[in-house]
Amino acid sequence: MHELSIAQSVVGAVVDHTGGARVLSVRLEIGALSGVEVDALRFCFDLAARDTAVDGAELVVERVAGRGRCRACAAEADLDSFLARCPCGSPDVEVTAGEQLRIRDVEVARDVRNVRV
């Protein structure tokens, strides 16, 4: 299950970039062709976040559709797998979207204890 190592990497990156601030939510962009099982990642995210500043944060996942461009006819089409053929029948399709997995944004709690009014 590579989702556990992905979750650990995401949590580590978030902790590193937020300086230990309590994290409220993490938004990921995950491509349909990335090979990531979202339900498994959600489960692993909760495990990886335990006892960190990310513990209890909401994981928001935005799915990105697979897209490709045919090298034979230049048509663009949605892809649901790497084995998809172009409507023209050609198997020579270049993937143009849907492989990514990136942290889109992170919401952190604002520390109001040191704010003067």
Protein backbone atom coordinates (compact mmCIF):
# COMPACT_ATOMS: atom_id res chain seq x y z
CA MET A 1 0.00 0.00 0.00
CA HIS A 2 1.92 3.03 -1.24
CA GLU A 3 -0.81 5.35 0.07
CA LEU A 4 0.77 5.17 3.53
CA SER A 5 4.10 6.51 2.27
CA ILE A 6 2.24 9.20 0.28
CA ALA A 7 0.29 10.22 3.40
CA GLN A 8 3.48 10.33 5.46
CA SER A 9 5.15 12.50 2.83
CA VAL A 10 2.17 14.87 2.67
CA VAL A 11 1.98 15.21 6.46
CA GLY A 12 5.74 15.74 6.66
CA ALA A 13 5.68 18.43 3.99
CA VAL A 14 2.75 20.20 5.64
CA VAL A 15 4.40 20.15 9.07
CA ASP A 16 7.67 21.44 7.59
CA HIS A 17 5.96 24.31 5.77
CA THR A 18 3.57 25.40 8.53
CA GLY A 19 6.14 25.67 11.28
CA GLY A 20 4.18 23.52 13.69
CA ALA A 21 0.97 25.58 13.51
CA ARG A 22 -2.20 23.57 14.02
CA VAL A 23 -3.51 22.54 10.62
CA LEU A 24 -7.26 22.65 9.98
CA SER A 25 -7.38 21.27 6.45
CA VAL A 26 -5.18 19.98 3.66
CA ARG A 27 -6.40 20.13 0.05
CA LEU A 28 -4.84 17.69 -2.39
CA GLU A 29 -5.15 17.58 -6.15
CA ILE A 30 -5.06 13.95 -7.29
CA GLY A 31 -5.14 12.91 -10.92
CA ALA A 32 -7.34 10.06 -12.07
CA LEU A 33 -4.27 8.42 -13.63
CA SER A 34 -2.03 8.85 -10.57
CA GLY A 35 -2.64 5.33 -9.27
CA VAL A 36 -3.66 6.67 -5.86
CA GLU A 37 -6.65 5.04 -4.15
CA VAL A 38 -8.35 7.98 -2.46
CA ASP A 39 -10.17 5.99 0.26
CA ALA A 40 -6.94 4.26 1.26
CA LEU A 41 -5.13 7.60 1.28
CA ARG A 42 -7.78 9.11 3.57
CA PHE A 43 -7.34 6.24 6.03
CA CYS A 44 -3.55 6.50 5.91
CA PHE A 45 -3.64 10.30 6.22
CA ASP A 46 -5.40 10.01 9.58
CA LEU A 47 -2.78 7.51 10.75
CA ALA A 48 0.17 9.60 9.53
CA ALA A 49 -1.26 12.79 11.06
CA ARG A 50 -1.68 11.28 14.52
CA ASP A 51 0.25 13.20 17.21
CA THR A 52 1.35 15.92 14.76
CA ALA A 53 0.09 19.45 14.10
CA VAL A 54 -2.00 17.90 11.31
CA ASP A 55 -3.91 15.58 13.69
CA GLY A 56 -7.65 16.12 13.19
CA ALA A 57 -7.25 18.12 9.98
CA GLU A 58 -9.78 17.61 7.21
CA LEU A 59 -8.38 16.04 4.04
CA VAL A 60 -10.04 17.56 0.98
CA VAL A 61 -9.40 15.78 -2.32
CA GLU A 62 -9.95 17.35 -5.71
CA ARG A 63 -9.91 14.77 -8.51
CA VAL A 64 -8.40 15.78 -11.84
CA ALA A 65 -9.63 13.95 -14.92
CA GLY A 66 -7.21 12.16 -17.19
CA ARG A 67 -6.65 13.89 -20.53
CA GLY A 68 -4.57 13.01 -23.53
CA ARG A 69 -3.58 14.14 -27.02
CA CYS A 70 -3.31 11.74 -29.90
CA ARG A 71 0.05 11.91 -31.65
CA ALA A 72 -1.51 10.55 -34.85
CA CYS A 73 -4.45 12.95 -35.33
CA ALA A 74 -3.85 15.62 -32.61
CA ALA A 75 -7.30 15.08 -31.10
CA GLU A 76 -7.68 15.66 -27.37
CA ALA A 77 -9.81 13.33 -25.27
CA ASP A 78 -10.57 12.24 -21.72
CA LEU A 79 -8.60 9.21 -20.56
CA ASP A 80 -9.66 6.69 -17.95
CA SER A 81 -6.49 4.61 -18.23
CA PHE A 82 -3.03 4.63 -19.77
CA LEU A 83 -4.24 2.00 -22.24
CA ALA A 84 -7.02 4.17 -23.67
CA ARG A 85 -7.04 4.65 -27.43
CA CYS A 86 -7.90 7.78 -29.33
CA PRO A 87 -11.33 7.79 -31.00
CA CYS A 88 -9.39 7.52 -34.29
CA GLY A 89 -8.14 4.12 -33.07
CA SER A 90 -4.52 5.07 -32.47
CA PRO A 91 -2.89 3.82 -29.26
CA ASP A 92 -0.26 6.59 -29.50
CA VAL A 93 -1.79 8.94 -26.93
CA GLU A 94 0.27 11.37 -24.86
CA VAL A 95 -1.07 11.97 -21.36
CA THR A 96 -1.50 15.71 -20.76
CA ALA A 97 -3.33 15.71 -17.40
CA GLY A 98 -4.34 13.40 -14.62
CA GLU A 99 -1.05 12.04 -13.28
CA GLN A 100 -0.48 14.67 -10.61
CA LEU A 101 -0.62 14.49 -6.86
CA ARG A 102 0.05 17.84 -5.25
CA ILE A 103 -0.74 19.77 -2.14
CA ARG A 104 -3.05 22.50 -3.37
CA ASP A 105 -3.36 24.44 -0.11
CA VAL A 106 -3.29 24.17 3.65
CA GLU A 107 -5.47 25.97 6.18
CA VAL A 108 -3.89 26.65 9.58
CA ALA A 109 -5.42 27.91 12.81
CA ARG A 110 -4.65 31.47 13.64
CA ASP A 111 -3.08 31.96 17.05
CA VAL A 112 -5.10 34.79 18.61
CA ARG A 113 -3.45 34.59 22.04
CA ASN A 114 -0.78 37.13 21.10
CA VAL A 115 -2.98 39.50 19.13
CA ARG A 116 -3.76 42.86 20.76
CA VAL A 117 -7.10 44.47 20.10
